[in-house]
Amino acid sequence: MAAAHQYGEVVDIPFPIIDPLLSTSEIGRLVQEYAGRIVALNPQAVLCQGEFIYCHALVERLLAVGITVLAATSERLVSESYEAGINEKIVNFQFVQFREYCHL
């Protein structure tokens, strides 16, 4: 959270539930709705991660109006153990930094 606060106040907008059967045009309508809500908040930056097609369209729309869009990067830490016939794998993700979306 400390890293997020460098971009201003943190306001959580729950990520929409995206049915895998939605058409591209239905995704577009969802993006339009959420982009409008986000732009109305006049944020300094937005963290956007989730369903690929939705995020791509939302990121493009937010970048087009001059909003900085970020993704969180993390280090994947894995530990495995095998004891008494039980294989256990624990995966933790440790936040590293925010990375800005950009047009390459």
PDB file of N, CA and C in Angstrom:
ATOM      1  N   MET A   1       0.823  -1.198   0.000  1.00  0.00           N
ATOM      2  CA  MET A   1       0.000   0.000   0.000  1.00  0.00           C
ATOM      3  C   MET A   1       0.863   1.256   0.000  1.00  0.00           C
ATOM      4  N   ALA A   2       2.017   1.182   0.642  1.00  0.00           N
ATOM      5  CA  ALA A   2       2.888   2.362   0.676  1.00  0.00           C
ATOM      6  C   ALA A   2       3.286   2.773  -0.734  1.00  0.00           C
ATOM      7  N   ALA A   3       3.609   1.805  -1.576  1.00  0.00           N
ATOM      8  CA  ALA A   3       3.989   2.111  -2.959  1.00  0.00           C
ATOM      9  C   ALA A   3       2.807   2.709  -3.724  1.00  0.00           C
ATOM     10  N   ALA A   4       1.609   2.255  -3.427  1.00  0.00           N
ATOM     11  CA  ALA A   4       0.413   2.770  -4.113  1.00  0.00           C
ATOM     12  C   ALA A   4       0.118   4.204  -3.719  1.00  0.00           C
ATOM     13  N   HIS A   5       0.370   4.550  -2.477  1.00  0.00           N
ATOM     14  CA  HIS A   5       0.059   5.899  -2.001  1.00  0.00           C
ATOM     15  C   HIS A   5       0.922   6.975  -2.646  1.00  0.00           C
ATOM     16  N   GLN A   6       2.017   6.604  -3.287  1.00  0.00           N
ATOM     17  CA  GLN A   6       2.804   7.621  -3.992  1.00  0.00           C
ATOM     18  C   GLN A   6       2.028   8.184  -5.181  1.00  0.00           C
ATOM     19  N   TYR A   7       0.974   7.475  -5.602  1.00  0.00           N
ATOM     20  CA  TYR A   7       0.135   7.939  -6.704  1.00  0.00           C
ATOM     21  C   TYR A   7      -1.119   8.654  -6.213  1.00  0.00           C
ATOM     22  N   GLY A   8      -1.243   8.824  -4.907  1.00  0.00           N
ATOM     23  CA  GLY A   8      -2.407   9.516  -4.348  1.00  0.00           C
ATOM     24  C   GLY A   8      -3.288   8.592  -3.544  1.00  0.00           C
ATOM     25  N   GLU A   9      -4.518   9.061  -3.298  1.00  0.00           N
ATOM     26  CA  GLU A   9      -5.486   8.289  -2.512  1.00  0.00           C
ATOM     27  C   GLU A   9      -5.825   6.986  -3.232  1.00  0.00           C
ATOM     28  N   VAL A  10      -5.932   5.904  -2.487  1.00  0.00           N
ATOM     29  CA  VAL A  10      -6.291   4.610  -3.054  1.00  0.00           C
ATOM     30  C   VAL A  10      -7.799   4.420  -2.928  1.00  0.00           C
ATOM     31  N   VAL A  11      -8.451   4.230  -4.083  1.00  0.00           N
ATOM     32  CA  VAL A  11      -9.889   3.977  -4.134  1.00  0.00           C
ATOM     33  C   VAL A  11     -10.066   2.641  -4.839  1.00  0.00           C
ATOM     34  N   ASP A  12     -10.709   1.697  -4.172  1.00  0.00           N
ATOM     35  CA  ASP A  12     -10.890   0.366  -4.747  1.00  0.00           C
ATOM     36  C   ASP A  12     -12.208   0.286  -5.499  1.00  0.00           C
ATOM     37  N   ILE A  13     -12.117  -0.030  -6.769  1.00  0.00           N
ATOM     38  CA  ILE A  13     -13.306  -0.317  -7.572  1.00  0.00           C
ATOM     39  C   ILE A  13     -13.244  -1.814  -7.854  1.00  0.00           C
ATOM     40  N   PRO A  14     -14.171  -2.598  -7.319  1.00  0.00           N
ATOM     41  CA  PRO A  14     -14.109  -4.045  -7.534  1.00  0.00           C
ATOM     42  C   PRO A  14     -14.083  -4.389  -9.027  1.00  0.00           C
ATOM     43  N   PHE A  15     -13.225  -5.330  -9.369  1.00  0.00           N
ATOM     44  CA  PHE A  15     -13.109  -5.783 -10.758  1.00  0.00           C
ATOM     45  C   PHE A  15     -14.413  -6.477 -11.138  1.00  0.00           C
ATOM     46  N   PRO A  16     -14.949  -6.179 -12.317  1.00  0.00           N
ATOM     47  CA  PRO A  16     -16.227  -6.802 -12.696  1.00  0.00           C
ATOM     48  C   PRO A  16     -16.066  -8.308 -12.935  1.00  0.00           C
ATOM     49  N   ILE A  17     -17.138  -9.026 -12.677  1.00  0.00           N
ATOM     50  CA  ILE A  17     -17.162 -10.448 -13.021  1.00  0.00           C
ATOM     51  C   ILE A  17     -17.355 -10.524 -14.525  1.00  0.00           C
ATOM     52  N   ILE A  18     -16.434 -11.175 -15.209  1.00  0.00           N
ATOM     53  CA  ILE A  18     -16.479 -11.221 -16.667  1.00  0.00           C
ATOM     54  C   ILE A  18     -16.756 -12.654 -17.109  1.00  0.00           C
ATOM     55  N   ASP A  19     -17.961 -12.852 -17.574  1.00  0.00           N
ATOM     56  CA  ASP A  19     -18.389 -14.165 -18.061  1.00  0.00           C
ATOM     57  C   ASP A  19     -17.545 -14.530 -19.280  1.00  0.00           C
ATOM     58  N   PRO A  20     -16.955 -15.718 -19.301  1.00  0.00           N
ATOM     59  CA  PRO A  20     -16.135 -16.105 -20.454  1.00  0.00           C
ATOM     60  C   PRO A  20     -16.925 -16.230 -21.755  1.00  0.00           C
ATOM     61  N   LEU A  21     -18.248 -16.224 -21.666  1.00  0.00           N
ATOM     62  CA  LEU A  21     -19.073 -16.306 -22.871  1.00  0.00           C
ATOM     63  C   LEU A  21     -19.445 -14.950 -23.447  1.00  0.00           C
ATOM     64  N   LEU A  22     -19.035 -13.854 -22.807  1.00  0.00           N
ATOM     65  CA  LEU A  22     -19.351 -12.530 -23.339  1.00  0.00           C
ATOM     66  C   LEU A  22     -18.712 -12.321 -24.705  1.00  0.00           C
ATOM     67  N   SER A  23     -19.427 -11.617 -25.560  1.00  0.00           N
ATOM     68  CA  SER A  23     -18.885 -11.274 -26.878  1.00  0.00           C
ATOM     69  C   SER A  23     -17.947 -10.073 -26.738  1.00  0.00           C
ATOM     70  N   THR A  24     -17.200  -9.807 -27.784  1.00  0.00           N
ATOM     71  CA  THR A  24     -16.307  -8.657 -27.787  1.00  0.00           C
ATOM     72  C   THR A  24     -17.093  -7.365 -27.611  1.00  0.00           C
ATOM     73  N   SER A  25     -18.256  -7.263 -28.231  1.00  0.00           N
ATOM     74  CA  SER A  25     -19.055  -6.036 -28.087  1.00  0.00           C
ATOM     75  C   SER A  25     -19.584  -5.899 -26.662  1.00  0.00           C
ATOM     76  N   GLU A  26     -19.918  -7.000 -26.013  1.00  0.00           N
ATOM     77  CA  GLU A  26     -20.367  -6.933 -24.621  1.00  0.00           C
ATOM     78  C   GLU A  26     -19.215  -6.507 -23.706  1.00  0.00           C
ATOM     79  N   ILE A  27     -18.007  -6.985 -23.992  1.00  0.00           N
ATOM     80  CA  ILE A  27     -16.827  -6.544 -23.239  1.00  0.00           C
ATOM     81  C   ILE A  27     -16.649  -5.040 -23.451  1.00  0.00           C
ATOM     82  N   GLY A  28     -16.842  -4.577 -24.683  1.00  0.00           N
ATOM     83  CA  GLY A  28     -16.711  -3.156 -24.993  1.00  0.00           C
ATOM     84  C   GLY A  28     -17.669  -2.303 -24.185  1.00  0.00           C
ATOM     85  N   ARG A  29     -18.906  -2.762 -24.018  1.00  0.00           N
ATOM     86  CA  ARG A  29     -19.882  -2.013 -23.218  1.00  0.00           C
ATOM     87  C   ARG A  29     -19.461  -1.973 -21.745  1.00  0.00           C
ATOM     88  N   LEU A  30     -18.930  -3.087 -21.251  1.00  0.00           N
ATOM     89  CA  LEU A  30     -18.459  -3.138 -19.869  1.00  0.00           C
ATOM     90  C   LEU A  30     -17.278  -2.187 -19.668  1.00  0.00           C
ATOM     91  N   VAL A  31     -16.369  -2.164 -20.632  1.00  0.00           N
ATOM     92  CA  VAL A  31     -15.224  -1.253 -20.576  1.00  0.00           C
ATOM     93  C   VAL A  31     -15.702   0.188 -20.579  1.00  0.00           C
ATOM     94  N   GLN A  32     -16.665   0.503 -21.429  1.00  0.00           N
ATOM     95  CA  GLN A  32     -17.190   1.872 -21.497  1.00  0.00           C
ATOM     96  C   GLN A  32     -17.775   2.283 -20.148  1.00  0.00           C
ATOM     97  N   GLU A  33     -18.535   1.392 -19.522  1.00  0.00           N
ATOM     98  CA  GLU A  33     -19.141   1.694 -18.220  1.00  0.00           C
ATOM     99  C   GLU A  33     -18.068   1.946 -17.162  1.00  0.00           C
ATOM    100  N   TYR A  34     -17.099   1.044 -17.066  1.00  0.00           N
ATOM    101  CA  TYR A  34     -16.078   1.179 -16.027  1.00  0.00           C
ATOM    102  C   TYR A  34     -15.122   2.335 -16.310  1.00  0.00           C
ATOM    103  N   ALA A  35     -14.792   2.560 -17.558  1.00  0.00           N
ATOM    104  CA  ALA A  35     -13.922   3.687 -17.897  1.00  0.00           C
ATOM    105  C   ALA A  35     -14.592   4.993 -17.488  1.00  0.00           C
ATOM    106  N   GLY A  36     -15.891   5.097 -17.717  1.00  0.00           N
ATOM    107  CA  GLY A  36     -16.623   6.298 -17.304  1.00  0.00           C
ATOM    108  C   GLY A  36     -16.576   6.508 -15.805  1.00  0.00           C
ATOM    109  N   ARG A  37     -16.757   5.439 -15.055  1.00  0.00           N
ATOM    110  CA  ARG A  37     -16.693   5.532 -13.590  1.00  0.00           C
ATOM    111  C   ARG A  37     -15.299   5.953 -13.133  1.00  0.00           C
ATOM    112  N   ILE A  38     -14.285   5.383 -13.763  1.00  0.00           N
ATOM    113  CA  ILE A  38     -12.896   5.684 -13.370  1.00  0.00           C
ATOM    114  C   ILE A  38     -12.543   7.121 -13.726  1.00  0.00           C
ATOM    115  N   VAL A  39     -12.834   7.538 -14.948  1.00  0.00           N
ATOM    116  CA  VAL A  39     -12.511   8.890 -15.387  1.00  0.00           C
ATOM    117  C   VAL A  39     -13.206   9.925 -14.499  1.00  0.00           C
ATOM    118  N   ALA A  40     -14.430   9.636 -14.065  1.00  0.00           N
ATOM    119  CA  ALA A  40     -15.168  10.570 -13.200  1.00  0.00           C
ATOM    120  C   ALA A  40     -14.466  10.792 -11.864  1.00  0.00           C
ATOM    121  N   LEU A  41     -13.645   9.844 -11.437  1.00  0.00           N
ATOM    122  CA  LEU A  41     -12.894   9.990 -10.183  1.00  0.00           C
ATOM    123  C   LEU A  41     -11.633  10.835 -10.354  1.00  0.00           C
ATOM    124  N   ASN A  42     -11.259  11.104 -11.613  1.00  0.00           N
ATOM    125  CA  ASN A  42     -10.074  11.901 -11.928  1.00  0.00           C
ATOM    126  C   ASN A  42      -8.815  11.377 -11.210  1.00  0.00           C
ATOM    127  N   PRO A  43      -8.492  10.102 -11.401  1.00  0.00           N
ATOM    128  CA  PRO A  43      -7.359   9.523 -10.679  1.00  0.00           C
ATOM    129  C   PRO A  43      -6.017   9.953 -11.258  1.00  0.00           C
ATOM    130  N   GLN A  44      -5.012   9.926 -10.404  1.00  0.00           N
ATOM    131  CA  GLN A  44      -3.648  10.172 -10.868  1.00  0.00           C
ATOM    132  C   GLN A  44      -3.113   8.920 -11.585  1.00  0.00           C
ATOM    133  N   ALA A  45      -3.545   7.743 -11.114  1.00  0.00           N
ATOM    134  CA  ALA A  45      -3.117   6.482 -11.713  1.00  0.00           C
ATOM    135  C   ALA A  45      -4.156   5.414 -11.403  1.00  0.00           C
ATOM    136  N   VAL A  46      -4.151   4.344 -12.218  1.00  0.00           N
ATOM    137  CA  VAL A  46      -5.079   3.226 -12.048  1.00  0.00           C
ATOM    138  C   VAL A  46      -4.289   1.926 -12.157  1.00  0.00           C
ATOM    139  N   LEU A  47      -4.518   1.014 -11.214  1.00  0.00           N
ATOM    140  CA  LEU A  47      -3.950  -0.334 -11.282  1.00  0.00           C
ATOM    141  C   LEU A  47      -4.938  -1.196 -12.043  1.00  0.00           C
ATOM    142  N   CYS A  48      -4.494  -1.841 -13.120  1.00  0.00           N
ATOM    143  CA  CYS A  48      -5.403  -2.642 -13.950  1.00  0.00           C
ATOM    144  C   CYS A  48      -4.765  -3.983 -14.268  1.00  0.00           C
ATOM    145  N   GLN A  49      -5.345  -5.038 -13.712  1.00  0.00           N
ATOM    146  CA  GLN A  49      -4.884  -6.403 -13.970  1.00  0.00           C
ATOM    147  C   GLN A  49      -6.085  -7.321 -13.895  1.00  0.00           C
ATOM    148  N   GLY A  50      -6.153  -8.283 -14.793  1.00  0.00           N
ATOM    149  CA  GLY A  50      -7.267  -9.232 -14.774  1.00  0.00           C
ATOM    150  C   GLY A  50      -7.477  -9.853 -16.139  1.00  0.00           C
ATOM    151  N   GLU A  51      -8.737 -10.075 -16.497  1.00  0.00           N
ATOM    152  CA  GLU A  51      -9.081 -10.710 -17.771  1.00  0.00           C
ATOM    153  C   GLU A  51      -8.452  -9.924 -18.919  1.00  0.00           C
ATOM    154  N   PHE A  52      -7.747 -10.621 -19.791  1.00  0.00           N
ATOM    155  CA  PHE A  52      -6.870  -9.979 -20.772  1.00  0.00           C
ATOM    156  C   PHE A  52      -7.568  -9.025 -21.738  1.00  0.00           C
ATOM    157  N   ILE A  53      -8.634  -9.436 -22.365  1.00  0.00           N
ATOM    158  CA  ILE A  53      -9.278  -8.596 -23.380  1.00  0.00           C
ATOM    159  C   ILE A  53      -9.884  -7.353 -22.735  1.00  0.00           C
ATOM    160  N   TYR A  54     -10.560  -7.537 -21.597  1.00  0.00           N
ATOM    161  CA  TYR A  54     -11.129  -6.407 -20.870  1.00  0.00           C
ATOM    162  C   TYR A  54     -10.029  -5.426 -20.465  1.00  0.00           C
ATOM    163  N   CYS A  55      -8.965  -5.947 -19.869  1.00  0.00           N
ATOM    164  CA  CYS A  55      -7.879  -5.067 -19.407  1.00  0.00           C
ATOM    165  C   CYS A  55      -7.231  -4.330 -20.564  1.00  0.00           C
ATOM    166  N   HIS A  56      -7.003  -5.026 -21.656  1.00  0.00           N
ATOM    167  CA  HIS A  56      -6.385  -4.378 -22.816  1.00  0.00           C
ATOM    168  C   HIS A  56      -7.233  -3.191 -23.270  1.00  0.00           C
ATOM    169  N   ALA A  57      -8.529  -3.414 -23.417  1.00  0.00           N
ATOM    170  CA  ALA A  57      -9.416  -2.344 -23.884  1.00  0.00           C
ATOM    171  C   ALA A  57      -9.504  -1.210 -22.860  1.00  0.00           C
ATOM    172  N   LEU A  58      -9.572  -1.561 -21.574  1.00  0.00           N
ATOM    173  CA  LEU A  58      -9.657  -0.523 -20.544  1.00  0.00           C
ATOM    174  C   LEU A  58      -8.365   0.284 -20.474  1.00  0.00           C
ATOM    175  N   VAL A  59      -7.240  -0.387 -20.542  1.00  0.00           N
ATOM    176  CA  VAL A  59      -5.947   0.306 -20.511  1.00  0.00           C
ATOM    177  C   VAL A  59      -5.847   1.269 -21.690  1.00  0.00           C
ATOM    178  N   GLU A  60      -6.200   0.815 -22.874  1.00  0.00           N
ATOM    179  CA  GLU A  60      -6.141   1.677 -24.060  1.00  0.00           C
ATOM    180  C   GLU A  60      -7.033   2.908 -23.884  1.00  0.00           C
ATOM    181  N   ARG A  61      -8.218   2.710 -23.356  1.00  0.00           N
ATOM    182  CA  ARG A  61      -9.143   3.837 -23.173  1.00  0.00           C
ATOM    183  C   ARG A  61      -8.602   4.831 -22.144  1.00  0.00           C
ATOM    184  N   LEU A  62      -8.060   4.318 -21.025  1.00  0.00           N
ATOM    185  CA  LEU A  62      -7.542   5.210 -19.987  1.00  0.00           C
ATOM    186  C   LEU A  62      -6.288   5.944 -20.452  1.00  0.00           C
ATOM    187  N   LEU A  63      -5.406   5.248 -21.159  1.00  0.00           N
ATOM    188  CA  LEU A  63      -4.207   5.915 -21.692  1.00  0.00           C
ATOM    189  C   LEU A  63      -4.595   7.023 -22.665  1.00  0.00           C
ATOM    190  N   ALA A  64      -5.655   6.791 -23.454  1.00  0.00           N
ATOM    191  CA  ALA A  64      -6.085   7.772 -24.459  1.00  0.00           C
ATOM    192  C   ALA A  64      -6.539   9.090 -23.836  1.00  0.00           C
ATOM    193  N   VAL A  65      -6.984   9.042 -22.576  1.00  0.00           N
ATOM    194  CA  VAL A  65      -7.412  10.276 -21.912  1.00  0.00           C
ATOM    195  C   VAL A  65      -6.368  10.774 -20.920  1.00  0.00           C
ATOM    196  N   GLY A  66      -5.161  10.212 -20.997  1.00  0.00           N
ATOM    197  CA  GLY A  66      -4.049  10.722 -20.212  1.00  0.00           C
ATOM    198  C   GLY A  66      -3.924  10.189 -18.797  1.00  0.00           C
ATOM    199  N   ILE A  67      -4.588   9.083 -18.493  1.00  0.00           N
ATOM    200  CA  ILE A  67      -4.486   8.492 -17.157  1.00  0.00           C
ATOM    201  C   ILE A  67      -3.348   7.473 -17.150  1.00  0.00           C
ATOM    202  N   THR A  68      -2.475   7.569 -16.157  1.00  0.00           N
ATOM    203  CA  THR A  68      -1.402   6.590 -15.983  1.00  0.00           C
ATOM    204  C   THR A  68      -2.018   5.275 -15.531  1.00  0.00           C
ATOM    205  N   VAL A  69      -1.650   4.175 -16.202  1.00  0.00           N
ATOM    206  CA  VAL A  69      -2.183   2.854 -15.850  1.00  0.00           C
ATOM    207  C   VAL A  69      -1.011   1.969 -15.457  1.00  0.00           C
ATOM    208  N   LEU A  70      -1.185   1.253 -14.351  1.00  0.00           N
ATOM    209  CA  LEU A  70      -0.111   0.465 -13.767  1.00  0.00           C
ATOM    210  C   LEU A  70      -0.472  -1.011 -13.664  1.00  0.00           C
ATOM    211  N   ALA A  71       0.564  -1.842 -13.637  1.00  0.00           N
ATOM    212  CA  ALA A  71       0.447  -3.259 -13.275  1.00  0.00           C
ATOM    213  C   ALA A  71       1.427  -3.491 -12.138  1.00  0.00           C
ATOM    214  N   ALA A  72       1.068  -4.358 -11.220  1.00  0.00           N
ATOM    215  CA  ALA A  72       1.969  -4.705 -10.123  1.00  0.00           C
ATOM    216  C   ALA A  72       2.879  -5.848 -10.579  1.00  0.00           C
ATOM    217  N   THR A  73       4.156  -5.717 -10.292  1.00  0.00           N
ATOM    218  CA  THR A  73       5.080  -6.807 -10.593  1.00  0.00           C
ATOM    219  C   THR A  73       5.443  -7.485  -9.277  1.00  0.00           C
ATOM    220  N   SER A  74       5.733  -8.768  -9.363  1.00  0.00           N
ATOM    221  CA  SER A  74       6.050  -9.521  -8.155  1.00  0.00           C
ATOM    222  C   SER A  74       7.069 -10.608  -8.469  1.00  0.00           C
ATOM    223  N   GLU A  75       7.707 -11.055  -7.421  1.00  0.00           N
ATOM    224  CA  GLU A  75       8.612 -12.189  -7.524  1.00  0.00           C
ATOM    225  C   GLU A  75       7.845 -13.415  -7.043  1.00  0.00           C
ATOM    226  N   ARG A  76       7.896 -14.487  -7.835  1.00  0.00           N
ATOM    227  CA  ARG A  76       7.199 -15.728  -7.489  1.00  0.00           C
ATOM    228  C   ARG A  76       8.138 -16.585  -6.659  1.00  0.00           C
ATOM    229  N   LEU A  77       7.767 -16.851  -5.413  1.00  0.00           N
ATOM    230  CA  LEU A  77       8.586 -17.641  -4.501  1.00  0.00           C
ATOM    231  C   LEU A  77       7.893 -18.983  -4.263  1.00  0.00           C
ATOM    232  N   VAL A  78       8.581 -20.068  -4.608  1.00  0.00           N
ATOM    233  CA  VAL A  78       7.996 -21.400  -4.527  1.00  0.00           C
ATOM    234  C   VAL A  78       8.800 -22.263  -3.570  1.00  0.00           C
ATOM    235  N   SER A  79       8.098 -22.952  -2.692  1.00  0.00           N
ATOM    236  CA  SER A  79       8.758 -23.946  -1.850  1.00  0.00           C
ATOM    237  C   SER A  79       7.984 -25.252  -1.992  1.00  0.00           C
ATOM    238  N   GLU A  80       8.723 -26.355  -2.087  1.00  0.00           N
ATOM    239  CA  GLU A  80       8.109 -27.669  -2.226  1.00  0.00           C
ATOM    240  C   GLU A  80       8.671 -28.604  -1.175  1.00  0.00           C
ATOM    241  N   SER A  81       7.804 -29.486  -0.712  1.00  0.00           N
ATOM    242  CA  SER A  81       8.266 -30.514   0.228  1.00  0.00           C
ATOM    243  C   SER A  81       7.531 -31.810  -0.073  1.00  0.00           C
ATOM    244  N   TYR A  82       8.180 -32.881   0.243  1.00  0.00           N
ATOM    245  CA  TYR A  82       7.585 -34.208   0.068  1.00  0.00           C
ATOM    246  C   TYR A  82       7.830 -34.979   1.353  1.00  0.00           C
ATOM    247  N   GLU A  83       6.731 -35.326   2.025  1.00  0.00           N
ATOM    248  CA  GLU A  83       6.861 -36.045   3.282  1.00  0.00           C
ATOM    249  C   GLU A  83       5.678 -37.001   3.437  1.00  0.00           C
ATOM    250  N   ALA A  84       5.970 -38.227   3.793  1.00  0.00           N
ATOM    251  CA  ALA A  84       4.945 -39.253   4.039  1.00  0.00           C
ATOM    252  C   ALA A  84       3.984 -39.384   2.858  1.00  0.00           C
ATOM    253  N   GLY A  85       4.536 -39.352   1.650  1.00  0.00           N
ATOM    254  CA  GLY A  85       3.724 -39.525   0.451  1.00  0.00           C
ATOM    255  C   GLY A  85       2.896 -38.315   0.059  1.00  0.00           C
ATOM    256  N   ILE A  86       3.123 -37.208   0.709  1.00  0.00           N
ATOM    257  CA  ILE A  86       2.368 -35.978   0.397  1.00  0.00           C
ATOM    258  C   ILE A  86       3.319 -34.941  -0.192  1.00  0.00           C
ATOM    259  N   ASN A  87       3.009 -34.523  -1.391  1.00  0.00           N
ATOM    260  CA  ASN A  87       3.785 -33.486  -2.062  1.00  0.00           C
ATOM    261  C   ASN A  87       3.077 -32.154  -1.824  1.00  0.00           C
ATOM    262  N   GLU A  88       3.774 -31.226  -1.212  1.00  0.00           N
ATOM    263  CA  GLU A  88       3.184 -29.924  -0.924  1.00  0.00           C
ATOM    264  C   GLU A  88       3.968 -28.846  -1.661  1.00  0.00           C
ATOM    265  N   LYS A  89       3.234 -27.970  -2.307  1.00  0.00           N
ATOM    266  CA  LYS A  89       3.844 -26.853  -3.024  1.00  0.00           C
ATOM    267  C   LYS A  89       3.178 -25.571  -2.543  1.00  0.00           C
ATOM    268  N   ILE A  90       3.974 -24.626  -2.103  1.00  0.00           N
ATOM    269  CA  ILE A  90       3.470 -23.344  -1.640  1.00  0.00           C
ATOM    270  C   ILE A  90       4.051 -22.256  -2.535  1.00  0.00           C
ATOM    271  N   VAL A  91       3.164 -21.438  -3.088  1.00  0.00           N
ATOM    272  CA  VAL A  91       3.582 -20.352  -3.965  1.00  0.00           C
ATOM    273  C   VAL A  91       3.177 -19.028  -3.326  1.00  0.00           C
ATOM    274  N   ASN A  92       4.141 -18.149  -3.175  1.00  0.00           N
ATOM    275  CA  ASN A  92       3.892 -16.800  -2.660  1.00  0.00           C
ATOM    276  C   ASN A  92       4.362 -15.798  -3.696  1.00  0.00           C
ATOM    277  N   PHE A  93       3.658 -14.701  -3.782  1.00  0.00           N
ATOM    278  CA  PHE A  93       4.039 -13.627  -4.690  1.00  0.00           C
ATOM    279  C   PHE A  93       4.401 -12.423  -3.835  1.00  0.00           C
ATOM    280  N   GLN A  94       5.626 -11.966  -3.985  1.00  0.00           N
ATOM    281  CA  GLN A  94       6.120 -10.833  -3.211  1.00  0.00           C
ATOM    282  C   GLN A  94       6.179  -9.607  -4.117  1.00  0.00           C
ATOM    283  N   PHE A  95       5.421  -8.571  -3.755  1.00  0.00           N
ATOM    284  CA  PHE A  95       5.368  -7.341  -4.542  1.00  0.00           C
ATOM    285  C   PHE A  95       6.772  -6.769  -4.714  1.00  0.00           C
ATOM    286  N   VAL A  96       7.078  -6.300  -5.937  1.00  0.00           N
ATOM    287  CA  VAL A  96       8.367  -5.673  -6.228  1.00  0.00           C
ATOM    288  C   VAL A  96       8.173  -4.193  -6.575  1.00  0.00           C
ATOM    289  N   GLN A  97       7.318  -3.915  -7.554  1.00  0.00           N
ATOM    290  CA  GLN A  97       7.115  -2.531  -7.994  1.00  0.00           C
ATOM    291  C   GLN A  97       5.877  -2.429  -8.866  1.00  0.00           C
ATOM    292  N   PHE A  98       5.481  -1.202  -9.170  1.00  0.00           N
ATOM    293  CA  PHE A  98       4.469  -0.961 -10.183  1.00  0.00           C
ATOM    294  C   PHE A  98       5.176  -0.667 -11.489  1.00  0.00           C
ATOM    295  N   ARG A  99       4.607  -1.142 -12.593  1.00  0.00           N
ATOM    296  CA  ARG A  99       5.150  -0.866 -13.927  1.00  0.00           C
ATOM    297  C   ARG A  99       4.043  -0.211 -14.737  1.00  0.00           C
ATOM    298  N   GLU A 100       4.397   0.882 -15.425  1.00  0.00           N
ATOM    299  CA  GLU A 100       3.401   1.596 -16.230  1.00  0.00           C
ATOM    300  C   GLU A 100       3.152   0.883 -17.557  1.00  0.00           C
ATOM    301  N   TYR A 101       1.871   0.818 -17.917  1.00  0.00           N
ATOM    302  CA  TYR A 101       1.510   0.382 -19.273  1.00  0.00           C
ATOM    303  C   TYR A 101       1.952   1.502 -20.215  1.00  0.00           C
ATOM    304  N   CYS A 102       2.368   1.117 -21.403  1.00  0.00           N
ATOM    305  CA  CYS A 102       2.778   2.126 -22.383  1.00  0.00           C
ATOM    306  C   CYS A 102       2.589   1.553 -23.786  1.00  0.00           C
ATOM    307  N   HIS A 103       2.645   2.416 -24.750  1.00  0.00           N
ATOM    308  CA  HIS A 103       2.628   1.993 -26.151  1.00  0.00           C
ATOM    309  C   HIS A 103       4.063   1.782 -26.570  1.00  0.00           C
ATOM    310  N   LEU A 104       4.416   0.567 -26.917  1.00  0.00           N
ATOM    311  CA  LEU A 104       5.812   0.283 -27.325  1.00  0.00           C
ATOM    312  C   LEU A 104       5.972   0.370 -28.823  1.00  0.00           C
TER     313      LEU A 104
END
